[in-house]
Protein backbone atom coordinates (compact mmCIF):
# COMPACT_ATOMS: atom_id res chain seq x y z
CA MET A 1 -13.89 -5.50 -11.39
CA LYS A 2 -12.82 -7.40 -8.28
CA TYR A 3 -11.37 -5.11 -5.63
CA TYR A 4 -9.55 -5.77 -2.38
CA VAL A 5 -8.00 -3.61 0.33
CA VAL A 6 -5.05 -5.12 2.17
CA ASP A 7 -3.07 -3.61 5.07
CA ALA A 8 0.59 -4.28 4.21
CA PHE A 9 3.57 -4.37 6.59
CA SER A 10 1.28 -5.25 9.48
CA GLU A 11 -0.27 -8.27 11.16
CA GLN A 12 -3.11 -6.12 12.56
CA LEU A 13 -5.98 -4.39 10.82
CA PHE A 14 -5.81 -0.59 10.72
CA LYS A 15 -2.01 -0.66 10.99
CA GLY A 16 0.61 -0.73 8.25
CA ASN A 17 -0.27 0.76 4.86
CA PRO A 18 -3.61 0.03 3.14
CA ALA A 19 -3.45 -0.60 -0.61
CA GLY A 20 -6.24 -1.16 -3.07
CA VAL A 21 -5.83 -4.08 -5.49
CA CYS A 22 -7.96 -4.35 -8.65
CA ILE A 23 -7.93 -7.50 -10.80
CA SER A 24 -9.09 -7.58 -14.41
CA ASP A 25 -8.38 -9.51 -17.61
CA SER A 26 -6.66 -6.46 -19.15
CA PHE A 27 -5.69 -3.00 -17.97
CA PRO A 28 -8.50 -0.45 -18.10
CA ASP A 29 -7.95 2.86 -19.86
CA ALA A 30 -5.27 4.93 -18.08
CA ARG A 31 -7.79 7.69 -17.29
CA LEU A 32 -10.12 5.18 -15.70
CA MET A 33 -7.31 3.70 -13.57
CA GLN A 34 -6.39 7.21 -12.41
CA ASN A 35 -10.03 7.98 -11.60
CA ILE A 36 -10.35 4.74 -9.62
CA ALA A 37 -7.20 5.57 -7.64
CA MET A 38 -8.52 9.06 -6.98
CA GLU A 39 -11.89 7.67 -5.86
CA ASN A 40 -10.24 5.06 -3.60
CA ASN A 41 -8.09 7.84 -2.09
CA LEU A 42 -5.49 5.41 -0.75
CA SER A 43 -1.79 6.18 -1.15
CA GLU A 44 -1.66 3.52 -3.89
CA THR A 45 -4.10 1.45 -5.89
CA ALA A 46 -2.61 -1.52 -7.75
CA PHE A 47 -3.99 -2.90 -11.02
CA LEU A 48 -3.27 -6.56 -11.60
CA VAL A 49 -3.61 -8.55 -14.85
CA PRO A 50 -2.76 -12.30 -15.00
CA ARG A 51 -0.39 -13.46 -17.76
CA GLU A 52 -0.65 -16.82 -19.52
CA GLN A 53 2.43 -18.10 -17.68
CA GLN A 54 1.50 -19.37 -14.23
CA GLY A 55 2.66 -17.10 -11.43
CA HIS A 56 3.25 -14.10 -13.70
CA PHE A 57 1.20 -10.89 -13.62
CA ASP A 58 1.33 -7.39 -15.09
CA LEU A 59 1.17 -4.76 -12.37
CA LYS A 60 0.67 -0.98 -12.31
CA TRP A 61 0.47 1.42 -9.37
CA TYR A 62 -1.41 4.71 -9.10
CA THR A 63 -1.53 7.35 -6.37
CA PRO A 64 -4.60 9.63 -6.30
CA GLU A 65 -2.61 11.98 -8.58
CA LEU A 66 -0.36 9.95 -10.89
CA GLU A 67 1.09 6.61 -11.98
CA ILE A 68 4.33 5.68 -10.22
CA GLU A 69 7.18 3.38 -11.20
CA LEU A 70 7.68 1.45 -7.93
CA CYS A 71 5.62 0.68 -4.84
CA GLY A 72 6.43 -1.82 -2.12
CA HIS A 73 3.32 -2.03 0.03
CA ALA A 74 0.93 -2.33 -2.92
CA THR A 75 3.13 -5.11 -4.33
CA ILE A 76 2.89 -7.02 -1.06
CA ALA A 77 -0.87 -6.40 -1.08
CA SER A 78 -1.05 -7.73 -4.66
CA ALA A 79 0.91 -10.84 -3.68
CA TYR A 80 -1.47 -11.40 -0.77
CA VAL A 81 -4.46 -11.20 -3.13
CA VAL A 82 -2.83 -13.59 -5.62
CA HIS A 83 -1.98 -16.09 -2.89
CA HIS A 84 -5.40 -15.95 -1.21
CA HIS A 85 -7.76 -15.44 -4.17
CA VAL A 86 -6.01 -16.58 -7.38
CA ASP A 87 -3.56 -19.45 -6.75
CA SER A 88 -2.63 -20.50 -3.22
CA SER A 89 -0.07 -23.00 -4.54
CA LEU A 90 2.32 -20.26 -5.71
CA LYS A 91 5.42 -19.83 -3.57
CA GLU A 92 6.96 -17.29 -5.95
CA ILE A 93 5.06 -14.58 -7.81
CA SER A 94 6.53 -12.45 -10.61
CA PHE A 95 5.16 -8.99 -11.36
CA HIS A 96 6.00 -7.26 -14.65
CA THR A 97 6.18 -3.53 -13.92
CA LEU A 98 7.69 -0.20 -14.97
CA SER A 99 10.65 -1.17 -12.74
CA GLY A 100 11.17 -4.51 -14.49
CA VAL A 101 10.23 -7.95 -13.21
CA LEU A 102 9.75 -7.95 -9.44
CA THR A 103 9.59 -11.26 -7.58
CA ILE A 104 7.87 -11.95 -4.29
CA SER A 105 8.55 -15.09 -2.27
CA VAL A 106 5.62 -16.31 -0.19
CA HIS A 107 6.52 -17.54 3.30
CA GLU A 108 3.03 -17.24 4.76
CA PRO A 109 2.38 -15.09 6.74
CA LEU A 110 5.48 -13.21 5.48
CA TYR A 111 5.86 -11.84 1.94
CA GLU A 112 9.38 -11.01 0.77
CA LEU A 113 10.00 -8.44 -1.98
CA ASP A 114 13.05 -8.60 -4.25
CA PHE A 115 13.62 -5.02 -5.42
CA PRO A 116 16.47 -3.18 -7.19
CA SER A 117 18.83 -1.38 -4.83
CA ARG A 118 18.93 2.41 -5.30
CA PRO A 119 22.02 3.67 -3.48
CA PRO A 120 21.90 7.25 -2.19
CA VAL A 121 23.28 10.19 -4.15
CA TYR A 122 24.75 12.50 -1.53
CA SER A 123 23.89 16.20 -1.71
CA ASN A 124 24.33 19.39 0.26
CA THR A 125 21.45 20.60 2.36
CA THR A 126 19.63 23.74 1.24
CA GLU A 127 18.18 26.68 3.13
CA LEU A 128 14.70 25.65 2.00
CA LEU A 129 15.17 22.09 3.27
CA GLU A 130 16.50 23.38 6.59
CA GLU A 131 13.48 25.69 6.81
CA VAL A 132 11.15 22.73 6.21
CA LEU A 133 12.95 20.64 8.86
CA GLY A 134 13.41 23.45 11.35
CA SER A 135 17.02 22.33 11.86
CA THR A 136 20.17 21.27 10.04
CA PRO A 137 20.14 17.54 9.21
CA VAL A 138 23.08 15.27 9.98
CA GLU A 139 23.28 14.29 6.31
CA THR A 140 21.24 14.66 3.13
CA PHE A 141 20.99 12.59 -0.04
CA MET A 142 18.53 11.98 -2.85
CA THR A 143 17.31 9.67 -5.58
CA VAL A 144 16.09 10.88 -8.96
CA ASN A 145 13.66 9.31 -11.44
CA ASP A 146 11.23 10.41 -14.14
CA ILE A 147 8.63 11.48 -11.57
CA GLY A 148 10.94 13.72 -9.57
CA ILE A 149 13.41 13.84 -6.70
CA ARG A 150 13.10 12.06 -3.39
CA TYR A 151 15.00 14.02 -0.75
CA TYR A 152 16.36 12.14 2.28
CA ALA A 153 17.32 13.86 5.53
CA VAL A 154 19.12 12.01 8.33
CA LEU A 155 18.18 13.35 11.77
CA GLU A 156 19.94 13.01 15.12
CA ASN A 157 17.63 10.45 16.69
CA GLU A 158 14.30 8.63 16.50
CA LEU A 159 12.50 11.22 18.65
CA GLN A 160 13.23 13.94 16.07
CA VAL A 161 11.71 11.80 13.33
CA ARG A 162 8.63 10.96 15.40
CA SER A 163 8.02 14.52 16.60
CA PHE A 164 8.48 16.26 13.24
CA ALA A 165 5.41 18.40 12.42
CA PRO A 166 5.22 18.68 8.62
CA ASP A 167 4.20 21.79 6.71
CA PHE A 168 2.90 20.09 3.57
CA ALA A 169 2.78 23.29 1.51
CA LYS A 170 6.49 23.91 2.20
CA ILE A 171 7.38 20.28 1.43
CA LYS A 172 5.47 20.49 -1.84
CA ALA A 173 7.32 23.70 -2.75
CA ILE A 174 10.79 22.10 -2.67
CA PRO A 175 11.99 22.33 -6.32
CA GLY A 176 11.60 19.06 -8.26
CA ASN A 177 10.22 17.41 -5.15
CA PHE A 178 8.38 14.09 -5.36
CA GLY A 179 8.82 13.30 -1.68
CA LEU A 180 10.74 13.90 1.53
CA VAL A 181 12.10 11.07 3.68
CA LEU A 182 13.24 11.52 7.28
CA THR A 183 15.33 8.80 8.87
CA ALA A 184 17.44 8.12 11.97
CA LYS A 185 18.99 5.26 13.89
CA GLY A 186 16.24 3.48 15.80
CA ASP A 187 15.91 3.05 19.56
CA LYS A 188 14.69 -0.57 19.24
CA GLU A 189 14.82 -1.30 15.49
CA ASP A 190 17.94 -0.67 13.42
CA PHE A 191 16.48 2.47 11.82
CA VAL A 192 13.24 4.42 11.51
CA SER A 193 11.73 6.65 8.86
CA ARG A 194 8.77 8.79 7.75
CA PHE A 195 7.79 9.72 4.18
CA PHE A 196 5.88 12.76 2.92
CA ALA A 197 4.72 13.06 -0.71
CA PRO A 198 2.12 15.86 -1.00
CA ALA A 199 3.11 16.44 -4.65
CA ALA A 200 1.81 12.92 -5.38
CA GLY A 201 -1.41 13.45 -3.44
CA VAL A 202 -0.13 11.59 -0.36
CA ASN A 203 0.64 13.91 2.56
CA GLU A 204 2.23 11.16 4.66
CA ASP A 205 2.53 7.58 3.46
CA PRO A 206 2.06 5.18 6.41
CA VAL A 207 4.66 2.56 5.33
CA THR A 208 6.71 2.79 2.14
CA GLY A 209 8.62 -0.15 0.68
CA SER A 210 10.17 1.82 -2.20
CA ILE A 211 12.09 4.30 -0.01
CA HIS A 212 13.78 1.34 1.66
CA THR A 213 15.53 0.49 -1.62
CA THR A 214 17.69 3.50 -0.70
CA LEU A 215 17.51 3.37 3.10
CA ILE A 216 18.73 -0.25 3.20
CA PRO A 217 22.07 0.39 1.40
CA TYR A 218 22.52 3.61 3.41
CA TRP A 219 22.00 2.00 6.82
CA THR A 220 23.90 -1.15 5.83
CA ASP A 221 26.91 1.08 5.24
CA LYS A 222 26.39 3.09 8.44
CA LEU A 223 25.67 0.16 10.76
CA GLY A 224 27.95 -2.43 9.13
CA LYS A 225 25.27 -5.11 8.86
CA SER A 226 23.34 -6.43 5.88
CA LYS A 227 20.23 -7.71 7.73
CA LEU A 228 18.18 -4.94 9.29
CA ILE A 229 14.81 -4.38 10.94
CA ALA A 230 13.16 -1.07 10.09
CA ARG A 231 10.10 0.70 11.41
CA GLN A 232 8.19 3.48 9.69
CA VAL A 233 6.96 5.63 12.56
CA SER A 234 3.84 7.14 11.00
CA LYS A 235 0.57 7.18 12.94
CA ARG A 236 -0.35 3.71 11.59
CA GLY A 237 3.24 2.44 11.63
CA GLY A 238 4.74 -0.73 10.21
CA VAL A 239 7.72 -3.07 10.39
CA LEU A 240 9.96 -4.08 7.46
CA TYR A 241 12.47 -6.95 7.50
CA CYS A 242 15.34 -5.88 5.28
CA GLU A 243 18.44 -7.38 3.70
CA HIS A 244 21.05 -5.82 1.45
CA LYS A 245 22.05 -8.11 -1.41
CA GLY A 246 24.38 -5.95 -3.50
CA GLU A 247 22.40 -4.74 -6.53
CA ARG A 248 19.14 -6.00 -4.98
CA VAL A 249 17.41 -5.58 -1.63
CA LYS A 250 15.01 -7.91 0.16
CA ILE A 251 12.06 -6.33 1.97
CA GLY A 252 9.78 -8.59 3.99
CA GLY A 253 6.43 -7.75 5.52
CA HIS A 254 3.15 -9.17 6.76
CA ALA A 255 -0.28 -8.42 5.33
CA ILE A 256 -3.92 -8.70 6.36
CA GLN A 257 -7.07 -8.24 4.29
CA TYR A 258 -9.60 -5.57 5.20
CA LEU A 259 -12.07 -5.57 2.30
CA GLU A 260 -13.30 -7.64 -0.63
CA GLY A 261 -15.83 -6.35 -3.15
CA GLU A 262 -16.55 -5.21 -6.69
CA LEU A 263 -16.04 -1.86 -8.38
CA LEU A 264 -18.99 -0.79 -10.52
CA VAL A 265 -17.14 1.06 -13.28
CA GLY A 266 -17.93 1.55 -16.94
CA PRO A 267 -16.32 3.57 -19.75
CA THR A 268 -14.40 6.68 -18.71
CA PRO A 269 -16.80 9.67 -18.90
């Protein structure tokens, strides 16, 4: 099975978020895909299967622990692989996923995601969340799906987001928790964020496209502008070029390839 690793949301190697991309004629057994993702030990491994229609592909995403319904950086990585190793003539690529058909426009070296908008559901903070944060957030909201709840906490400033020291056991213990997002108005960019998902086997995700489907409508409302530049301030870090389009959001990012090879896998033991 052909295998690539691409750093998404970055123009430099060892920055942004690395995603594995596997290409095959059909999806392997679900157990095998999960084992491959566990062995790769990246935040997401994408599995890509070409359809008969040109420019259309089936796409699945796995963390080291489970299959997920939406992933931005591994979608950009998949588009990079398609453009560079499958069909360089494509200017638009359609991925058929658990979140419906997702389209990427190729403006080399920029790849632009078209994702569904997921507006925030506002909620009251809890004692447990305040204990995890070590303070009372400015505002809290959430999104809910079949996997669990993503909790969002708005902090006072960028420094608080950058300096937060996570206790992963406490984050994992938040009831129904799939992940915790911290965000604040940025010093240089429009807003910043960090994302922790220990329940999914990812303590801190370097750059996360999917959380921006909620952060974009939130910050559009707060800042009164529909075009935004975001930075995820993890250790690796990455920049996202965002636009709110009503029921959809646009998320643009760069990508650079780190690895090309083959996986030597047989039937699931």
